[in-house]
Amino acid sequence: MSTANLLRLIVLAAIWGSSFLFMRIAAPVLGPAVLIEYRVAFAALFLAIVGLVLKKRLDLRANWKHYLILGFINSALPFLLFAFAARTLSASVLSVLNATAPMWGALIGAFWSRQAIAGKQVLGLVLGTCGVALLVGFDDVSARPGAPLAIGAVLLAAFCYSVASTYARTATAAKAVEPFANAHGSMWAAALLVIPALPFFPAPAAATPGIMGAALALGILCSGIAYIMYFKLVQDVGATSALTVTFLSPLFGILWGVLFLSEHVGWYTLAGAAVVVTGTALVTGFNPFGPRAIVAPSPTSK
């Protein structure tokens, strides 16, 4: 991997790690539905501008059903679940729990292909489960009202990302559409799909410029710009090496939470993150120097 691609990988991990910070800032004020409507709408508008500049078409007539499916399972639903949880959980906990997505992906892939799970993958699943238990068992956020439901929401969101990754790898419609169009079209679809949730989750308070700045950053930086960087990385270094971003994002999620929200990071936070990442690496068979990895992260999974 060249120095430029390595720096791009680190910057991408830092951007996706910051998404948990921005959600933690904005979700308690805007509520999950309003925040995510802003996020996907800003992302869709940004990608539309990029698409016009690059002269990339969506071909809605042929692919609208595919965009709706991908927009629901890879953006609308998981984004809402994360924003719901961000009202309760810290950015650090959100970022570590998000790293379980590749583990879900391996399980779904094994079920989909009807293949037995290897012993190393079973060990990885056990480690990942222990890491999650260690993190939420000792962290004081688990004692907050509604914390168990919020933790379940994050794990369900990670599961959604894995379902979306399996769909994108196996569905004929998904494979026929280029990656940029998948991201662009799914954002417009998600913007439509989130609208019915708005009456159920009204904004608890009026948005300040800072809150709107966090929503704008979620849409343009963490979704639009991050997608473009990810696609460039996959093109240059392949999906296997690009998978490294999954393991780096929790580190930045923890770092931004400490620096900007003064979140407390105990030994259990670092230990839980290390165990989850190790379990994920075992489950996915990740080896940056090997020929392949089992699961690659979805470009819209942060």
Protein backbone atom coordinates (compact mmCIF):
# COMPACT_ATOMS: atom_id res chain seq x y z
CA MET A 1 0.00 0.00 0.00
CA SER A 2 1.41 3.39 -1.00
CA THR A 3 1.85 6.23 1.48
CA ALA A 4 -0.99 8.16 -0.17
CA ASN A 5 -3.40 5.23 0.15
CA LEU A 6 -2.34 4.60 3.74
CA LEU A 7 -3.05 8.24 4.61
CA ARG A 8 -6.38 8.02 2.78
CA LEU A 9 -7.26 4.92 4.81
CA ILE A 10 -6.44 6.64 8.10
CA VAL A 11 -8.40 9.76 7.15
CA LEU A 12 -11.39 7.62 6.14
CA ALA A 13 -11.28 5.79 9.48
CA ALA A 14 -11.10 9.13 11.28
CA ILE A 15 -14.12 10.42 9.32
CA TRP A 16 -16.23 7.35 9.92
CA GLY A 17 -15.18 7.33 13.57
CA SER A 18 -16.40 10.93 13.85
CA SER A 19 -19.91 9.93 12.75
CA PHE A 20 -20.57 8.57 16.25
CA LEU A 21 -19.43 11.89 17.73
CA PHE A 22 -21.77 13.89 15.50
CA MET A 23 -24.71 11.58 16.23
CA ARG A 24 -24.06 11.82 19.94
CA ILE A 25 -24.10 15.62 19.68
CA ALA A 26 -27.17 16.02 17.48
CA ALA A 27 -29.47 13.08 18.27
CA PRO A 28 -30.55 14.23 21.76
CA VAL A 29 -31.62 17.59 20.28
CA LEU A 30 -33.07 16.67 16.88
CA GLY A 31 -34.25 13.17 17.69
CA PRO A 32 -33.33 10.15 15.56
CA ALA A 33 -35.74 10.67 12.65
CA VAL A 34 -35.12 14.37 12.03
CA LEU A 35 -31.35 13.93 12.34
CA ILE A 36 -31.24 11.03 9.89
CA GLU A 37 -33.55 12.80 7.44
CA TYR A 38 -31.05 15.65 7.43
CA ARG A 39 -28.15 13.22 7.08
CA VAL A 40 -29.43 11.27 4.10
CA ALA A 41 -30.88 14.37 2.40
CA PHE A 42 -27.58 16.26 2.69
CA ALA A 43 -25.70 13.19 1.44
CA ALA A 44 -28.09 12.73 -1.50
CA LEU A 45 -27.78 16.38 -2.54
CA PHE A 46 -23.99 16.29 -2.28
CA LEU A 47 -23.75 13.07 -4.30
CA ALA A 48 -26.18 14.50 -6.87
CA ILE A 49 -23.82 17.43 -7.42
CA VAL A 50 -20.85 15.08 -7.71
CA GLY A 51 -22.84 12.90 -10.10
CA LEU A 52 -23.60 15.88 -12.31
CA VAL A 53 -19.94 16.88 -12.40
CA LEU A 54 -18.81 13.32 -13.17
CA LYS A 55 -21.77 12.74 -15.53
CA LYS A 56 -22.90 9.60 -13.70
CA ARG A 57 -26.50 8.49 -14.15
CA LEU A 58 -28.80 6.75 -11.68
CA ASP A 59 -31.09 5.07 -14.25
CA LEU A 60 -34.02 5.21 -11.83
CA ARG A 61 -36.47 3.53 -14.19
CA ALA A 62 -34.44 0.32 -14.21
CA ASN A 63 -33.05 0.35 -10.66
CA TRP A 64 -35.57 2.10 -8.39
CA LYS A 65 -36.58 -1.11 -6.58
CA HIS A 66 -32.93 -1.96 -5.94
CA TYR A 67 -32.25 1.53 -4.57
CA LEU A 68 -35.23 1.22 -2.21
CA ILE A 69 -34.02 -2.15 -0.88
CA LEU A 70 -30.46 -0.97 -0.40
CA GLY A 71 -31.57 2.39 0.98
CA PHE A 72 -33.70 0.68 3.62
CA ILE A 73 -31.33 -2.03 4.89
CA ASN A 74 -28.07 -0.12 4.46
CA SER A 75 -29.04 3.45 5.36
CA ALA A 76 -32.53 4.31 6.59
CA LEU A 77 -33.01 1.57 9.19
CA PRO A 78 -29.44 1.28 10.58
CA PHE A 79 -28.98 5.06 10.63
CA LEU A 80 -32.22 5.44 12.59
CA LEU A 81 -31.18 2.73 15.02
CA PHE A 82 -27.80 4.35 15.61
CA ALA A 83 -29.34 7.78 16.10
CA PHE A 84 -31.88 6.28 18.52
CA ALA A 85 -29.06 4.70 20.53
CA ALA A 86 -26.92 7.86 20.39
CA ARG A 87 -29.36 9.59 22.72
CA THR A 88 -28.21 7.21 25.46
CA LEU A 89 -24.87 5.60 24.65
CA SER A 90 -21.48 7.27 24.39
CA ALA A 91 -19.64 7.74 21.11
CA SER A 92 -17.01 5.27 22.34
CA VAL A 93 -19.52 2.50 22.97
CA LEU A 94 -21.31 3.17 19.68
CA SER A 95 -18.08 2.91 17.69
CA VAL A 96 -16.97 -0.35 19.30
CA LEU A 97 -20.36 -2.03 18.93
CA ASN A 98 -20.41 -1.00 15.26
CA ALA A 99 -17.25 -3.08 14.73
CA THR A 100 -19.33 -6.23 15.22
CA ALA A 101 -20.84 -5.79 11.72
CA PRO A 102 -18.30 -8.07 9.96
CA MET A 103 -19.01 -10.81 12.51
CA TRP A 104 -22.70 -10.69 11.63
CA GLY A 105 -21.66 -10.70 8.00
CA ALA A 106 -19.69 -13.91 8.38
CA LEU A 107 -22.65 -15.62 10.05
CA ILE A 108 -25.05 -14.44 7.36
CA GLY A 109 -22.59 -15.48 4.64
CA ALA A 110 -22.25 -18.96 6.13
CA PHE A 111 -26.02 -19.32 6.40
CA TRP A 112 -26.54 -17.97 2.88
CA SER A 113 -24.00 -20.35 1.34
CA ARG A 114 -25.00 -23.21 3.67
CA GLN A 115 -21.41 -23.76 4.72
CA ALA A 116 -20.26 -24.78 8.19
CA ILE A 117 -18.52 -22.15 10.30
CA ALA A 118 -14.82 -22.93 10.79
CA GLY A 119 -13.34 -23.35 14.25
CA LYS A 120 -11.39 -20.09 13.99
CA GLN A 121 -14.59 -18.24 13.17
CA VAL A 122 -16.35 -19.78 16.16
CA LEU A 123 -13.49 -18.61 18.37
CA GLY A 124 -13.81 -15.15 16.86
CA LEU A 125 -17.54 -15.06 17.58
CA VAL A 126 -16.92 -16.08 21.18
CA LEU A 127 -14.25 -13.40 21.56
CA GLY A 128 -16.45 -10.78 19.96
CA THR A 129 -19.31 -11.63 22.28
CA CYS A 130 -16.99 -11.48 25.28
CA GLY A 131 -15.67 -8.12 24.11
CA VAL A 132 -19.17 -6.67 23.88
CA ALA A 133 -20.04 -8.09 27.30
CA LEU A 134 -16.84 -6.64 28.77
CA LEU A 135 -17.52 -3.23 27.30
CA VAL A 136 -21.17 -2.83 28.26
CA GLY A 137 -20.83 -4.74 31.51
CA PHE A 138 -18.30 -2.35 33.04
CA ASP A 139 -19.10 0.92 31.28
CA ASP A 140 -21.36 3.17 33.34
CA VAL A 141 -23.49 3.99 30.29
CA SER A 142 -25.04 0.52 30.61
CA ALA A 143 -26.71 1.72 33.82
CA ARG A 144 -28.46 4.62 32.13
CA PRO A 145 -32.24 4.37 31.58
CA GLY A 146 -32.94 2.73 28.25
CA ALA A 147 -29.37 1.48 27.80
CA PRO A 148 -30.25 -2.19 27.11
CA LEU A 149 -32.66 -1.14 24.36
CA ALA A 150 -30.05 1.23 22.90
CA ILE A 151 -27.39 -1.49 22.91
CA GLY A 152 -29.79 -3.85 21.16
CA ALA A 153 -30.52 -1.14 18.57
CA VAL A 154 -26.82 -0.74 17.76
CA LEU A 155 -26.31 -4.49 17.37
CA LEU A 156 -29.38 -4.65 15.13
CA ALA A 157 -27.96 -1.79 13.05
CA ALA A 158 -24.68 -3.69 12.65
CA PHE A 159 -26.71 -6.72 11.59
CA CYS A 160 -28.50 -4.60 8.96
CA TYR A 161 -25.16 -3.54 7.48
CA SER A 162 -24.20 -7.18 7.12
CA VAL A 163 -27.48 -8.05 5.44
CA ALA A 164 -26.89 -5.17 3.04
CA SER A 165 -23.36 -6.36 2.28
CA THR A 166 -24.66 -9.86 1.51
CA TYR A 167 -27.39 -8.41 -0.69
CA ALA A 168 -24.88 -6.20 -2.53
CA ARG A 169 -22.60 -9.17 -3.20
CA THR A 170 -25.27 -11.63 -4.30
CA ALA A 171 -28.26 -9.76 -5.77
CA THR A 172 -28.24 -9.45 -9.53
CA ALA A 173 -29.61 -5.90 -9.36
CA ALA A 174 -26.89 -4.84 -6.90
CA LYS A 175 -24.05 -6.28 -8.97
CA ALA A 176 -25.35 -4.61 -12.13
CA VAL A 177 -25.11 -1.09 -10.65
CA GLU A 178 -21.82 0.73 -10.21
CA PRO A 179 -20.76 1.58 -6.62
CA PHE A 180 -21.25 5.34 -6.93
CA ALA A 181 -24.80 4.89 -8.24
CA ASN A 182 -25.51 2.45 -5.38
CA ALA A 183 -24.49 5.07 -2.83
CA HIS A 184 -26.25 7.94 -4.62
CA GLY A 185 -29.49 6.12 -5.36
CA SER A 186 -29.72 4.54 -1.92
CA MET A 187 -29.40 7.97 -0.26
CA TRP A 188 -32.39 9.34 -2.18
CA ALA A 189 -34.32 6.18 -1.33
CA ALA A 190 -33.39 6.49 2.34
CA ALA A 191 -34.52 10.13 2.36
CA LEU A 192 -37.98 8.96 1.23
CA LEU A 193 -38.08 6.00 3.60
CA VAL A 194 -37.25 8.02 6.72
CA ILE A 195 -40.13 10.47 6.17
CA PRO A 196 -42.83 8.15 7.71
CA ALA A 197 -40.80 8.00 10.94
CA LEU A 198 -40.77 11.79 11.42
CA PRO A 199 -44.18 12.07 13.19
CA PHE A 200 -43.15 9.37 15.69
CA PHE A 201 -39.84 11.02 16.64
CA PRO A 202 -40.30 14.80 16.61
CA ALA A 203 -37.32 16.97 17.51
CA PRO A 204 -37.19 17.46 21.30
CA ALA A 205 -35.62 20.92 20.98
CA ALA A 206 -34.83 23.62 18.46
CA ALA A 207 -31.65 23.14 16.46
CA THR A 208 -28.75 25.51 17.04
CA PRO A 209 -26.13 26.31 14.39
CA GLY A 210 -23.79 23.85 16.07
CA ILE A 211 -26.37 21.06 15.95
CA MET A 212 -27.09 21.74 12.28
CA GLY A 213 -23.34 21.73 11.66
CA ALA A 214 -23.17 18.22 13.14
CA ALA A 215 -26.04 17.08 10.89
CA LEU A 216 -24.37 18.65 7.87
CA ALA A 217 -21.09 16.93 8.72
CA LEU A 218 -22.90 13.59 9.03
CA GLY A 219 -24.40 13.98 5.58
CA ILE A 220 -21.62 15.55 3.53
CA LEU A 221 -18.46 14.44 5.35
CA CYS A 222 -19.37 11.07 6.90
CA SER A 223 -21.57 9.92 4.03
CA GLY A 224 -20.87 11.77 0.77
CA ILE A 225 -17.13 12.43 0.94
CA ALA A 226 -16.43 9.19 2.82
CA TYR A 227 -18.13 7.13 0.08
CA ILE A 228 -15.97 8.68 -2.60
CA MET A 229 -12.81 8.04 -0.58
CA TYR A 230 -13.85 4.45 0.06
CA PHE A 231 -14.54 3.75 -3.60
CA LYS A 232 -11.13 5.16 -4.50
CA LEU A 233 -9.47 2.94 -1.88
CA VAL A 234 -11.20 -0.21 -3.14
CA GLN A 235 -10.15 0.68 -6.67
CA ASP A 236 -6.52 1.26 -5.68
CA VAL A 237 -5.83 -1.38 -3.03
CA GLY A 238 -8.77 -3.81 -3.23
CA ALA A 239 -11.57 -4.64 -0.81
CA THR A 240 -9.33 -6.77 1.42
CA SER A 241 -6.96 -3.97 2.37
CA ALA A 242 -9.80 -1.46 2.51
CA LEU A 243 -11.36 -3.69 5.20
CA THR A 244 -8.74 -2.27 7.58
CA VAL A 245 -10.98 0.78 8.04
CA THR A 246 -13.39 -1.40 10.05
CA PHE A 247 -10.68 -2.03 12.62
CA LEU A 248 -9.42 1.56 12.77
CA SER A 249 -12.78 3.33 13.11
CA PRO A 250 -13.38 2.33 16.78
CA LEU A 251 -10.03 3.83 17.73
CA PHE A 252 -11.06 7.18 16.30
CA GLY A 253 -14.58 6.86 17.70
CA ILE A 254 -13.05 6.52 21.17
CA LEU A 255 -10.54 9.33 20.54
CA TRP A 256 -13.12 11.86 19.34
CA GLY A 257 -15.41 11.02 22.26
CA VAL A 258 -12.61 11.73 24.72
CA LEU A 259 -11.37 14.90 23.03
CA PHE A 260 -14.67 16.61 22.25
CA LEU A 261 -17.20 15.12 24.67
CA SER A 262 -14.90 14.42 27.62
CA GLU A 263 -16.06 10.82 27.71
CA HIS A 264 -14.40 8.61 30.25
CA VAL A 265 -12.38 5.73 28.82
CA GLY A 266 -11.56 3.00 31.28
CA TRP A 267 -9.49 -0.15 30.92
CA TYR A 268 -12.67 -2.01 29.98
CA THR A 269 -13.24 0.33 27.00
CA LEU A 270 -9.82 -0.36 25.53
CA ALA A 271 -9.88 -4.04 26.45
CA GLY A 272 -13.39 -4.52 25.09
CA ALA A 273 -12.47 -2.77 21.84
CA ALA A 274 -9.35 -4.91 21.44
CA VAL A 275 -11.27 -8.14 22.06
CA VAL A 276 -14.07 -7.16 19.64
CA VAL A 277 -11.60 -6.21 16.90
CA THR A 278 -9.61 -9.43 17.43
CA GLY A 279 -12.79 -11.50 17.27
CA THR A 280 -13.86 -9.67 14.12
CA ALA A 281 -10.49 -10.34 12.48
CA LEU A 282 -10.77 -14.05 13.28
CA VAL A 283 -14.36 -14.32 12.07
CA THR A 284 -13.70 -12.53 8.78
CA GLY A 285 -10.35 -14.22 8.17
CA PHE A 286 -8.89 -10.75 7.71
CA ASN A 287 -5.25 -10.63 6.72
CA PRO A 288 -4.06 -7.42 5.02
CA PHE A 289 -1.18 -9.36 3.49
CA GLY A 290 -3.27 -12.38 2.43
CA PRO A 291 -5.09 -13.03 -0.83
CA ARG A 292 -8.61 -12.25 0.32
CA ALA A 293 -10.98 -11.55 3.20
CA ILE A 294 -14.40 -13.05 3.70
CA VAL A 295 -16.32 -9.87 4.29
CA ALA A 296 -15.70 -6.32 3.11
CA PRO A 297 -17.35 -3.38 4.82
CA SER A 298 -20.27 -1.68 3.19
CA PRO A 299 -19.41 1.82 1.98
CA THR A 300 -22.46 3.17 3.74
CA SER A 301 -21.97 1.38 7.06
CA LYS A 302 -20.90 4.30 9.20
